[in-house]
Amino acid sequence: MSTVNTAPIKWAQRSDSLYITIALADVKDASIVLADETLKFKGISENKQYEVDIAFLKPVDATGSTYKVLPRSVQMHVMKKDKNEDEFWPRLLKDKTLEKNQVKIDWDRYVDEDEEEGAGGFDTSALDGGMDMGSMMGGMGGMGGMGGMGGMDMEALMKQMGDMGGGDGMDGMDGPDSDDDDDDDLPDLEE
């Protein structure tokens, strides 16, 4: 394991925080050091050594941030230092070149700056029970926040489907007792 690979990073943001994902599965021997201006990560995934050493575009609040090593990735909710600034960063890293080669936008968590109010904050349920950046070791537990169908309201969904018209919801569909004899023309099956 002499070769060290660069770990892939995905990120999204809100006006007060960043959500950073290191997209590596089954990370072992994880070492994560978050300072107010940098993030350093080392770990092993699929018997390969990976690391990240980045400098943020602007300062972050390392003590108010959390992370968790999950089965498919390492996820971090990093708080921005200047909460009064209320603006989105144009990019994650100080180094534009490094950003182009190493960092991708997390489209699953992405929200436009002008749509942030309606979208709310990040879903950090996967980080419940996670570690603050000051501590390193602790139980990983299950995948918190995965209860049921992720908050899907099945009753409301069924009501919505029932309200689609047609009374019984099957408008124009013939049931098994239908008087429609489309199969009168079919020949009898041979035995």
N, C-alpha and C. Protein backbone atom coordinates (compact mmCIF):
# COMPACT_ATOMS: atom_id res chain seq x y z
N MET A 1 0.83 -1.20 0.00
CA MET A 1 0.00 0.00 0.00
C MET A 1 0.87 1.25 0.00
N SER A 2 1.80 1.32 -0.86
CA SER A 2 2.69 2.48 -0.87
C SER A 2 2.07 3.67 -1.60
N THR A 3 1.15 3.41 -2.54
CA THR A 3 0.51 4.50 -3.27
C THR A 3 -0.64 5.07 -2.44
N VAL A 4 -0.68 6.40 -2.35
CA VAL A 4 -1.77 7.06 -1.64
C VAL A 4 -2.67 7.71 -2.68
N ASN A 5 -3.95 7.38 -2.62
CA ASN A 5 -4.93 7.91 -3.56
C ASN A 5 -5.66 9.10 -2.95
N THR A 6 -6.14 9.97 -3.81
CA THR A 6 -6.93 11.11 -3.37
C THR A 6 -8.38 10.67 -3.24
N ALA A 7 -8.95 10.88 -2.08
CA ALA A 7 -10.34 10.49 -1.83
C ALA A 7 -11.29 11.45 -2.55
N PRO A 8 -12.35 10.93 -3.19
CA PRO A 8 -13.31 11.79 -3.86
C PRO A 8 -14.20 12.53 -2.86
N ILE A 9 -14.42 13.81 -3.11
CA ILE A 9 -15.21 14.66 -2.21
C ILE A 9 -16.41 15.21 -2.95
N LYS A 10 -17.58 15.18 -2.26
CA LYS A 10 -18.78 15.85 -2.77
C LYS A 10 -19.19 16.86 -1.70
N TRP A 11 -19.77 17.99 -2.15
CA TRP A 11 -20.18 18.99 -1.17
C TRP A 11 -21.42 19.74 -1.61
N ALA A 12 -22.13 20.24 -0.62
CA ALA A 12 -23.28 21.12 -0.83
C ALA A 12 -23.25 22.12 0.31
N GLN A 13 -24.05 23.18 0.22
CA GLN A 13 -24.01 24.18 1.27
C GLN A 13 -25.36 24.84 1.49
N ARG A 14 -25.47 25.45 2.65
CA ARG A 14 -26.54 26.37 2.99
C ARG A 14 -25.82 27.63 3.46
N SER A 15 -26.56 28.67 3.77
CA SER A 15 -25.90 29.93 4.14
C SER A 15 -25.09 29.79 5.43
N ASP A 16 -25.46 28.84 6.31
CA ASP A 16 -24.75 28.71 7.59
C ASP A 16 -23.85 27.48 7.70
N SER A 17 -23.90 26.57 6.70
CA SER A 17 -23.13 25.33 6.86
C SER A 17 -22.79 24.67 5.53
N LEU A 18 -21.90 23.68 5.61
CA LEU A 18 -21.47 22.87 4.48
C LEU A 18 -21.79 21.42 4.79
N TYR A 19 -22.08 20.63 3.77
CA TYR A 19 -22.25 19.19 3.95
C TYR A 19 -21.22 18.54 3.03
N ILE A 20 -20.25 17.89 3.62
CA ILE A 20 -19.14 17.30 2.87
C ILE A 20 -19.21 15.78 2.98
N THR A 21 -19.09 15.11 1.84
CA THR A 21 -19.09 13.65 1.81
C THR A 21 -17.79 13.17 1.18
N ILE A 22 -17.10 12.30 1.88
CA ILE A 22 -15.94 11.62 1.31
C ILE A 22 -16.48 10.28 0.83
N ALA A 23 -16.56 10.13 -0.48
CA ALA A 23 -17.27 9.01 -1.09
C ALA A 23 -16.41 7.75 -1.18
N LEU A 24 -16.17 7.13 -0.03
CA LEU A 24 -15.43 5.88 0.05
C LEU A 24 -16.23 4.90 0.89
N ALA A 25 -16.32 3.67 0.45
CA ALA A 25 -17.08 2.65 1.19
C ALA A 25 -16.18 1.92 2.19
N ASP A 26 -16.77 1.50 3.28
CA ASP A 26 -16.10 0.67 4.29
C ASP A 26 -14.73 1.20 4.69
N VAL A 27 -14.70 2.45 5.12
CA VAL A 27 -13.43 3.08 5.51
C VAL A 27 -12.95 2.49 6.84
N LYS A 28 -11.70 2.11 6.86
CA LYS A 28 -11.07 1.60 8.06
C LYS A 28 -9.91 2.52 8.45
N ASP A 29 -9.57 2.51 9.71
CA ASP A 29 -8.46 3.33 10.23
C ASP A 29 -8.61 4.79 9.85
N ALA A 30 -9.83 5.32 9.97
CA ALA A 30 -10.09 6.71 9.59
C ALA A 30 -9.44 7.68 10.57
N SER A 31 -8.79 8.68 10.02
CA SER A 31 -8.21 9.77 10.80
C SER A 31 -8.74 11.06 10.19
N ILE A 32 -9.51 11.82 10.97
CA ILE A 32 -10.12 13.04 10.47
C ILE A 32 -9.73 14.18 11.39
N VAL A 33 -9.12 15.21 10.80
CA VAL A 33 -8.72 16.39 11.56
C VAL A 33 -9.31 17.61 10.87
N LEU A 34 -10.28 18.23 11.52
CA LEU A 34 -10.90 19.45 10.98
C LEU A 34 -10.44 20.62 11.81
N ALA A 35 -9.80 21.56 11.16
CA ALA A 35 -9.40 22.81 11.82
C ALA A 35 -10.25 23.92 11.20
N ASP A 36 -10.10 25.13 11.69
CA ASP A 36 -10.93 26.24 11.19
C ASP A 36 -10.67 26.58 9.73
N GLU A 37 -9.53 26.16 9.19
CA GLU A 37 -9.25 26.50 7.79
C GLU A 37 -8.91 25.30 6.93
N THR A 38 -8.76 24.10 7.53
CA THR A 38 -8.34 22.93 6.76
C THR A 38 -9.10 21.67 7.18
N LEU A 39 -9.06 20.68 6.28
CA LEU A 39 -9.59 19.35 6.57
C LEU A 39 -8.53 18.34 6.12
N LYS A 40 -8.17 17.44 7.03
CA LYS A 40 -7.23 16.36 6.70
C LYS A 40 -7.92 15.04 7.01
N PHE A 41 -7.90 14.15 6.04
CA PHE A 41 -8.50 12.83 6.18
C PHE A 41 -7.52 11.78 5.69
N LYS A 42 -7.44 10.68 6.43
CA LYS A 42 -6.68 9.50 5.99
C LYS A 42 -7.52 8.28 6.33
N GLY A 43 -7.53 7.31 5.42
CA GLY A 43 -8.27 6.09 5.69
C GLY A 43 -7.98 5.04 4.63
N ILE A 44 -8.43 3.82 4.90
CA ILE A 44 -8.24 2.71 3.97
C ILE A 44 -9.61 2.23 3.52
N SER A 45 -9.77 2.09 2.20
CA SER A 45 -11.00 1.56 1.61
C SER A 45 -10.60 0.58 0.52
N GLU A 46 -11.18 -0.61 0.57
CA GLU A 46 -10.86 -1.67 -0.41
C GLU A 46 -9.35 -1.90 -0.52
N ASN A 47 -8.70 -1.94 0.64
CA ASN A 47 -7.25 -2.18 0.75
C ASN A 47 -6.40 -1.14 0.03
N LYS A 48 -6.93 0.04 -0.17
CA LYS A 48 -6.16 1.14 -0.76
C LYS A 48 -6.13 2.30 0.22
N GLN A 49 -4.98 2.97 0.30
CA GLN A 49 -4.81 4.12 1.18
C GLN A 49 -5.34 5.38 0.49
N TYR A 50 -6.18 6.14 1.20
CA TYR A 50 -6.73 7.39 0.66
C TYR A 50 -6.44 8.52 1.63
N GLU A 51 -6.35 9.72 1.07
CA GLU A 51 -6.22 10.89 1.93
C GLU A 51 -6.78 12.13 1.26
N VAL A 52 -7.08 13.11 2.10
CA VAL A 52 -7.56 14.42 1.67
C VAL A 52 -6.82 15.44 2.52
N ASP A 53 -6.33 16.48 1.88
CA ASP A 53 -5.68 17.58 2.60
C ASP A 53 -6.09 18.86 1.88
N ILE A 54 -7.13 19.51 2.39
CA ILE A 54 -7.67 20.68 1.69
C ILE A 54 -7.71 21.90 2.60
N ALA A 55 -7.66 23.07 1.98
CA ALA A 55 -7.83 24.34 2.68
C ALA A 55 -9.14 24.97 2.20
N PHE A 56 -10.02 25.28 3.15
CA PHE A 56 -11.31 25.87 2.81
C PHE A 56 -11.16 27.28 2.27
N LEU A 57 -12.11 27.69 1.44
CA LEU A 57 -12.12 29.05 0.89
C LEU A 57 -12.21 30.08 2.01
N LYS A 58 -13.04 29.81 3.01
CA LYS A 58 -13.22 30.71 4.15
C LYS A 58 -13.19 29.87 5.42
N PRO A 59 -13.01 30.50 6.59
CA PRO A 59 -12.94 29.74 7.85
C PRO A 59 -14.26 29.03 8.18
N VAL A 60 -14.12 27.90 8.89
CA VAL A 60 -15.27 27.15 9.37
C VAL A 60 -15.18 27.04 10.90
N ASP A 61 -16.26 26.61 11.52
CA ASP A 61 -16.31 26.42 12.97
C ASP A 61 -16.08 24.95 13.26
N ALA A 62 -14.84 24.57 13.49
CA ALA A 62 -14.48 23.16 13.68
C ALA A 62 -15.16 22.56 14.90
N THR A 63 -15.28 23.32 15.98
CA THR A 63 -15.85 22.75 17.21
C THR A 63 -17.35 22.53 17.11
N GLY A 64 -18.05 23.29 16.28
CA GLY A 64 -19.50 23.13 16.14
C GLY A 64 -19.90 22.16 15.04
N SER A 65 -18.92 21.49 14.45
CA SER A 65 -19.17 20.60 13.32
C SER A 65 -19.16 19.14 13.77
N THR A 66 -19.82 18.27 12.99
CA THR A 66 -19.87 16.85 13.31
C THR A 66 -19.54 16.01 12.08
N TYR A 67 -19.19 14.74 12.33
CA TYR A 67 -18.96 13.81 11.22
C TYR A 67 -19.33 12.41 11.67
N LYS A 68 -19.49 11.51 10.71
CA LYS A 68 -19.74 10.11 11.02
C LYS A 68 -19.20 9.26 9.89
N VAL A 69 -18.53 8.17 10.25
CA VAL A 69 -18.04 7.20 9.28
C VAL A 69 -19.18 6.21 9.08
N LEU A 70 -19.80 6.22 7.90
CA LEU A 70 -20.91 5.35 7.56
C LEU A 70 -20.42 4.22 6.65
N PRO A 71 -21.22 3.19 6.44
CA PRO A 71 -20.76 2.07 5.59
C PRO A 71 -20.39 2.47 4.17
N ARG A 72 -21.05 3.47 3.60
CA ARG A 72 -20.77 3.83 2.20
C ARG A 72 -20.00 5.13 2.02
N SER A 73 -19.80 5.88 3.10
CA SER A 73 -19.10 7.16 2.97
C SER A 73 -18.78 7.72 4.35
N VAL A 74 -18.01 8.80 4.34
CA VAL A 74 -17.78 9.59 5.54
C VAL A 74 -18.51 10.90 5.32
N GLN A 75 -19.44 11.24 6.22
CA GLN A 75 -20.25 12.43 6.03
C GLN A 75 -19.96 13.44 7.13
N MET A 76 -19.92 14.72 6.73
CA MET A 76 -19.58 15.79 7.67
C MET A 76 -20.55 16.95 7.51
N HIS A 77 -21.01 17.46 8.63
CA HIS A 77 -21.82 18.68 8.64
C HIS A 77 -20.94 19.75 9.27
N VAL A 78 -20.40 20.62 8.44
CA VAL A 78 -19.41 21.60 8.87
C VAL A 78 -20.06 22.98 8.92
N MET A 79 -19.99 23.60 10.08
CA MET A 79 -20.61 24.92 10.26
C MET A 79 -19.65 26.01 9.77
N LYS A 80 -20.22 26.99 9.05
CA LYS A 80 -19.42 28.13 8.61
C LYS A 80 -19.12 29.02 9.82
N LYS A 81 -17.94 29.62 9.82
CA LYS A 81 -17.50 30.46 10.94
C LYS A 81 -18.34 31.73 11.05
N ASP A 82 -18.50 32.43 9.94
CA ASP A 82 -19.21 33.72 9.95
C ASP A 82 -20.69 33.48 9.62
N LYS A 83 -21.49 33.31 10.65
CA LYS A 83 -22.91 33.02 10.45
C LYS A 83 -23.71 34.25 10.03
N ASN A 84 -23.15 35.43 10.24
CA ASN A 84 -23.84 36.67 9.87
C ASN A 84 -23.67 37.00 8.39
N GLU A 85 -22.74 36.33 7.74
CA GLU A 85 -22.42 36.62 6.34
C GLU A 85 -23.60 36.31 5.42
N ASP A 86 -24.32 35.21 5.71
CA ASP A 86 -25.54 34.85 4.98
C ASP A 86 -25.36 34.78 3.46
N GLU A 87 -24.21 34.31 3.01
CA GLU A 87 -24.03 34.17 1.56
C GLU A 87 -23.43 32.81 1.25
N PHE A 88 -23.69 32.35 0.05
CA PHE A 88 -23.14 31.07 -0.39
C PHE A 88 -21.71 31.30 -0.89
N TRP A 89 -20.87 30.32 -0.64
CA TRP A 89 -19.50 30.38 -1.15
C TRP A 89 -19.52 30.03 -2.63
N PRO A 90 -18.68 30.69 -3.43
CA PRO A 90 -18.61 30.33 -4.85
C PRO A 90 -17.96 28.97 -5.08
N ARG A 91 -17.17 28.50 -4.12
CA ARG A 91 -16.52 27.18 -4.21
C ARG A 91 -16.12 26.75 -2.80
N LEU A 92 -15.68 25.52 -2.66
CA LEU A 92 -15.32 24.97 -1.34
C LEU A 92 -13.87 25.30 -0.95
N LEU A 93 -12.95 25.22 -1.93
CA LEU A 93 -11.52 25.32 -1.62
C LEU A 93 -10.90 26.64 -2.04
N LYS A 94 -9.81 27.00 -1.38
CA LYS A 94 -9.03 28.17 -1.79
C LYS A 94 -8.41 27.95 -3.15
N ASP A 95 -7.91 26.75 -3.38
CA ASP A 95 -7.21 26.41 -4.61
C ASP A 95 -8.20 25.96 -5.69
N LYS A 96 -8.41 26.80 -6.70
CA LYS A 96 -9.38 26.51 -7.77
C LYS A 96 -8.99 25.26 -8.56
N THR A 97 -7.71 25.08 -8.81
CA THR A 97 -7.25 23.93 -9.60
C THR A 97 -7.53 22.62 -8.86
N LEU A 98 -7.21 22.60 -7.59
CA LEU A 98 -7.46 21.42 -6.77
C LEU A 98 -8.96 21.13 -6.73
N GLU A 99 -9.75 22.16 -6.65
CA GLU A 99 -11.21 21.99 -6.60
C GLU A 99 -11.73 21.31 -7.87
N LYS A 100 -11.23 21.72 -9.01
CA LYS A 100 -11.70 21.14 -10.28
C LYS A 100 -11.37 19.66 -10.38
N ASN A 101 -10.23 19.25 -9.84
CA ASN A 101 -9.79 17.86 -9.95
C ASN A 101 -10.30 16.95 -8.85
N GLN A 102 -10.65 17.51 -7.70
CA GLN A 102 -10.90 16.69 -6.53
C GLN A 102 -12.32 16.80 -5.97
N VAL A 103 -13.03 17.89 -6.23
CA VAL A 103 -14.31 18.14 -5.57
C VAL A 103 -15.45 18.21 -6.59
N LYS A 104 -16.56 17.55 -6.23
CA LYS A 104 -17.76 17.59 -7.06
C LYS A 104 -18.92 18.11 -6.23
N ILE A 105 -19.92 18.65 -6.90
CA ILE A 105 -21.12 19.11 -6.21
C ILE A 105 -21.99 17.91 -5.87
N ASP A 106 -22.52 17.89 -4.66
CA ASP A 106 -23.43 16.84 -4.22
C ASP A 106 -24.84 17.24 -4.66
N TRP A 107 -25.24 16.79 -5.82
CA TRP A 107 -26.52 17.20 -6.42
C TRP A 107 -27.71 16.69 -5.61
N ASP A 108 -27.53 15.65 -4.80
CA ASP A 108 -28.63 15.16 -3.97
C ASP A 108 -28.97 16.14 -2.85
N ARG A 109 -28.02 16.95 -2.44
CA ARG A 109 -28.23 17.91 -1.35
C ARG A 109 -28.19 19.36 -1.84
N TYR A 110 -27.95 19.57 -3.11
CA TYR A 110 -27.78 20.91 -3.67
C TYR A 110 -29.08 21.71 -3.62
N VAL A 111 -28.98 22.97 -3.25
CA VAL A 111 -30.10 23.91 -3.29
C VAL A 111 -29.55 25.25 -3.77
N ASP A 112 -30.25 25.88 -4.70
CA ASP A 112 -29.86 27.22 -5.14
C ASP A 112 -29.95 28.19 -3.97
N GLU A 113 -29.13 29.21 -3.99
CA GLU A 113 -29.10 30.20 -2.93
C GLU A 113 -30.46 30.85 -2.73
N ASP A 114 -31.16 31.15 -3.83
CA ASP A 114 -32.46 31.82 -3.72
C ASP A 114 -33.60 30.87 -3.36
N GLU A 115 -33.34 29.56 -3.32
CA GLU A 115 -34.37 28.58 -2.97
C GLU A 115 -34.12 27.97 -1.59
N GLU A 116 -33.12 28.47 -0.87
CA GLU A 116 -32.73 27.86 0.40
C GLU A 116 -33.84 27.91 1.44
N GLU A 117 -34.57 29.00 1.51
CA GLU A 117 -35.58 29.16 2.55
C GLU A 117 -36.65 28.08 2.46
N GLY A 118 -37.08 27.74 1.27
CA GLY A 118 -38.10 26.71 1.09
C GLY A 118 -37.57 25.31 1.32
N ALA A 119 -36.27 25.09 1.10
CA ALA A 119 -35.69 23.76 1.21
C ALA A 119 -35.32 23.40 2.65
N GLY A 120 -35.08 24.39 3.46
CA GLY A 120 -34.68 24.12 4.84
C GLY A 120 -33.22 23.72 4.91
N GLY A 121 -32.82 23.24 6.08
CA GLY A 121 -31.43 22.84 6.28
C GLY A 121 -31.16 21.44 5.75
N PHE A 122 -29.96 20.96 6.01
CA PHE A 122 -29.57 19.62 5.58
C PHE A 122 -30.27 18.57 6.43
N ASP A 123 -30.56 17.43 5.84
CA ASP A 123 -31.04 16.28 6.59
C ASP A 123 -29.81 15.64 7.23
N THR A 124 -29.64 15.87 8.51
CA THR A 124 -28.46 15.35 9.20
C THR A 124 -28.80 14.12 10.03
N SER A 125 -29.91 13.46 9.73
CA SER A 125 -30.31 12.28 10.51
C SER A 125 -29.26 11.17 10.44
N ALA A 126 -28.53 11.08 9.34
CA ALA A 126 -27.48 10.06 9.22
C ALA A 126 -26.33 10.35 10.18
N LEU A 127 -26.24 11.59 10.65
CA LEU A 127 -25.16 11.97 11.55
C LEU A 127 -25.57 11.89 13.02
N ASP A 128 -26.84 11.53 13.29
CA ASP A 128 -27.29 11.41 14.68
C ASP A 128 -26.37 10.45 15.41
N GLY A 129 -25.92 10.88 16.56
CA GLY A 129 -25.00 10.04 17.31
C GLY A 129 -23.59 10.12 16.76
N GLY A 130 -23.37 11.01 15.80
CA GLY A 130 -22.05 11.16 15.21
C GLY A 130 -21.09 11.81 16.17
N MET A 131 -19.86 11.91 15.76
CA MET A 131 -18.83 12.45 16.63
C MET A 131 -18.59 13.91 16.31
N ASP A 132 -18.39 14.68 17.37
CA ASP A 132 -17.98 16.04 17.09
C ASP A 132 -16.52 15.99 16.69
N MET A 133 -16.05 17.03 16.05
CA MET A 133 -14.71 16.98 15.49
C MET A 133 -13.63 16.93 16.57
N GLY A 134 -13.99 17.19 17.81
CA GLY A 134 -13.00 17.14 18.88
C GLY A 134 -12.69 15.71 19.30
N SER A 135 -13.63 14.78 19.07
CA SER A 135 -13.38 13.39 19.46
C SER A 135 -13.25 12.52 18.23
N MET A 136 -12.61 11.36 18.39
CA MET A 136 -12.38 10.53 17.21
C MET A 136 -13.04 9.18 17.33
N MET A 137 -12.86 8.47 18.43
CA MET A 137 -13.35 7.10 18.52
C MET A 137 -14.71 7.07 19.19
N GLY A 138 -15.51 6.09 18.82
CA GLY A 138 -16.83 5.91 19.42
C GLY A 138 -17.59 4.89 18.63
N GLY A 139 -18.74 4.49 19.15
CA GLY A 139 -19.54 3.49 18.46
C GLY A 139 -20.10 4.03 17.16
N MET A 140 -20.14 3.16 16.15
CA MET A 140 -20.70 3.59 14.88
C MET A 140 -22.18 3.28 14.79
N GLY A 141 -22.68 2.31 15.54
CA GLY A 141 -24.10 2.03 15.57
C GLY A 141 -24.67 1.74 14.20
N GLY A 142 -25.97 1.70 14.12
CA GLY A 142 -26.64 1.45 12.84
C GLY A 142 -26.72 2.72 12.04
N MET A 143 -27.51 2.68 11.01
CA MET A 143 -27.68 3.86 10.19
C MET A 143 -28.86 4.64 10.72
N GLY A 144 -28.60 5.56 11.63
CA GLY A 144 -29.65 6.34 12.26
C GLY A 144 -30.49 7.10 11.25
N GLY A 145 -31.76 7.26 11.58
CA GLY A 145 -32.63 8.05 10.72
C GLY A 145 -33.17 7.30 9.52
N MET A 146 -32.98 5.97 9.47
CA MET A 146 -33.43 5.23 8.30
C MET A 146 -34.77 4.55 8.56
N GLY A 147 -35.50 4.99 9.57
CA GLY A 147 -36.75 4.34 9.95
C GLY A 147 -37.76 4.32 8.82
N GLY A 148 -38.29 3.16 8.52
CA GLY A 148 -39.38 3.02 7.56
C GLY A 148 -39.04 3.56 6.19
N MET A 149 -39.94 4.33 5.67
CA MET A 149 -39.80 4.85 4.31
C MET A 149 -39.30 6.29 4.31
N GLY A 150 -38.48 6.65 5.26
CA GLY A 150 -37.87 7.97 5.27
C GLY A 150 -38.87 9.09 5.42
N GLY A 151 -39.89 8.89 6.24
CA GLY A 151 -40.85 9.94 6.50
C GLY A 151 -41.95 10.05 5.46
N MET A 152 -42.05 9.08 4.57
CA MET A 152 -43.07 9.11 3.54
C MET A 152 -44.43 8.88 4.19
N ASP A 153 -45.40 9.71 3.93
CA ASP A 153 -46.74 9.59 4.48
C ASP A 153 -47.58 8.76 3.53
N MET A 154 -47.64 7.44 3.79
CA MET A 154 -48.34 6.53 2.88
C MET A 154 -49.84 6.83 2.85
N GLU A 155 -50.41 7.20 3.99
CA GLU A 155 -51.85 7.49 4.03
C GLU A 155 -52.19 8.67 3.12
N ALA A 156 -51.38 9.71 3.18
CA ALA A 156 -51.61 10.87 2.32
C ALA A 156 -51.41 10.50 0.85
N LEU A 157 -50.44 9.63 0.57
CA LEU A 157 -50.18 9.21 -0.80
C LEU A 157 -51.38 8.43 -1.35
N MET A 158 -51.93 7.53 -0.56
CA MET A 158 -53.07 6.73 -1.00
C MET A 158 -54.30 7.62 -1.22
N LYS A 159 -54.50 8.61 -0.33
CA LYS A 159 -55.62 9.53 -0.49
C LYS A 159 -55.46 10.32 -1.78
N GLN A 160 -54.24 10.75 -2.05
CA GLN A 160 -53.97 11.50 -3.27
C GLN A 160 -54.27 10.64 -4.50
N MET A 161 -53.91 9.39 -4.46
CA MET A 161 -54.17 8.50 -5.59
C MET A 161 -55.67 8.27 -5.76
N GLY A 162 -56.40 8.18 -4.63
CA GLY A 162 -57.84 7.99 -4.69
C GLY A 162 -58.55 9.21 -5.24
N ASP A 163 -57.99 10.39 -5.03
CA ASP A 163 -58.60 11.64 -5.49
C ASP A 163 -58.31 11.92 -6.96
N MET A 164 -57.69 10.99 -7.64
CA MET A 164 -57.32 11.24 -9.04
C MET A 164 -58.51 11.10 -9.98
N GLY A 165 -59.68 10.84 -9.43
CA GLY A 165 -60.88 10.79 -10.27
C GLY A 165 -61.32 9.37 -10.51
N GLY A 166 -62.56 9.24 -11.06
CA GLY A 166 -63.06 7.93 -11.42
C GLY A 166 -63.72 7.18 -10.29
N GLY A 167 -63.96 7.79 -9.17
CA GLY A 167 -64.67 7.15 -8.08
C GLY A 167 -63.88 6.01 -7.47
N ASP A 168 -63.76 4.90 -8.17
CA ASP A 168 -63.04 3.76 -7.61
C ASP A 168 -61.56 3.79 -7.96
N GLY A 169 -61.11 4.85 -8.62
CA GLY A 169 -59.70 4.99 -8.96
C GLY A 169 -59.31 4.14 -10.16
N MET A 170 -60.25 3.43 -10.76
CA MET A 170 -59.95 2.52 -11.87
C MET A 170 -60.78 2.89 -13.09
N ASP A 171 -61.01 4.16 -13.29
CA ASP A 171 -61.85 4.64 -14.38
C ASP A 171 -61.35 4.10 -15.72
N GLY A 172 -62.25 3.45 -16.45
CA GLY A 172 -61.89 2.95 -17.76
C GLY A 172 -61.22 1.60 -17.72
N MET A 173 -60.97 1.05 -16.54
CA MET A 173 -60.31 -0.25 -16.43
C MET A 173 -61.39 -1.30 -16.18
N ASP A 174 -61.36 -2.37 -16.92
CA ASP A 174 -62.35 -3.43 -16.75
C ASP A 174 -61.83 -4.46 -15.78
N GLY A 175 -62.65 -4.81 -14.81
CA GLY A 175 -62.28 -5.81 -13.83
C GLY A 175 -62.54 -7.21 -14.36
N PRO A 176 -62.34 -8.24 -13.55
CA PRO A 176 -62.52 -9.62 -14.00
C PRO A 176 -63.98 -9.97 -14.30
N ASP A 177 -64.94 -9.24 -13.72
CA ASP A 177 -66.35 -9.53 -13.96
C ASP A 177 -66.93 -8.65 -15.06
N SER A 178 -66.10 -8.15 -15.92
CA SER A 178 -66.54 -7.24 -16.96
C SER A 178 -67.40 -7.97 -18.00
N ASP A 179 -68.34 -7.25 -18.55
CA ASP A 179 -69.18 -7.80 -19.61
C ASP A 179 -68.50 -7.66 -20.96
N ASP A 180 -67.34 -7.07 -21.01
CA ASP A 180 -66.61 -6.88 -22.27
C ASP A 180 -66.05 -8.23 -22.70
N ASP A 181 -66.41 -8.67 -23.88
CA ASP A 181 -66.00 -10.00 -24.34
C ASP A 181 -64.98 -9.91 -25.45
N ASP A 182 -63.82 -9.34 -25.15
CA ASP A 182 -62.75 -9.21 -26.14
C ASP A 182 -62.17 -10.57 -26.52
N ASP A 183 -62.27 -11.56 -25.64
CA ASP A 183 -61.62 -12.82 -25.92
C ASP A 183 -62.58 -13.85 -26.54
N ASP A 184 -63.72 -13.39 -27.07
CA ASP A 184 -64.64 -14.30 -27.76
C ASP A 184 -64.02 -14.87 -29.03
N ASP A 185 -63.09 -14.13 -29.66
CA ASP A 185 -62.52 -14.55 -30.93
C ASP A 185 -61.39 -15.57 -30.78
N LEU A 186 -60.94 -15.80 -29.56
CA LEU A 186 -59.79 -16.68 -29.34
C LEU A 186 -60.21 -18.15 -29.52
N PRO A 187 -59.34 -18.94 -30.14
CA PRO A 187 -59.65 -20.37 -30.29
C PRO A 187 -59.49 -21.09 -28.95
N ASP A 188 -60.11 -22.24 -28.82
CA ASP A 188 -60.00 -23.03 -27.60
C ASP A 188 -58.58 -23.59 -27.49
N LEU A 189 -58.12 -23.76 -26.24
CA LEU A 189 -56.79 -24.32 -26.00
C LEU A 189 -56.81 -25.82 -26.27
N GLU A 190 -55.74 -26.31 -26.86
CA GLU A 190 -55.64 -27.76 -27.12
C GLU A 190 -55.18 -28.47 -25.87
N GLU A 191 -55.67 -29.69 -25.67
CA GLU A 191 -55.26 -30.45 -24.49
C GLU A 191 -54.20 -31.44 -24.80
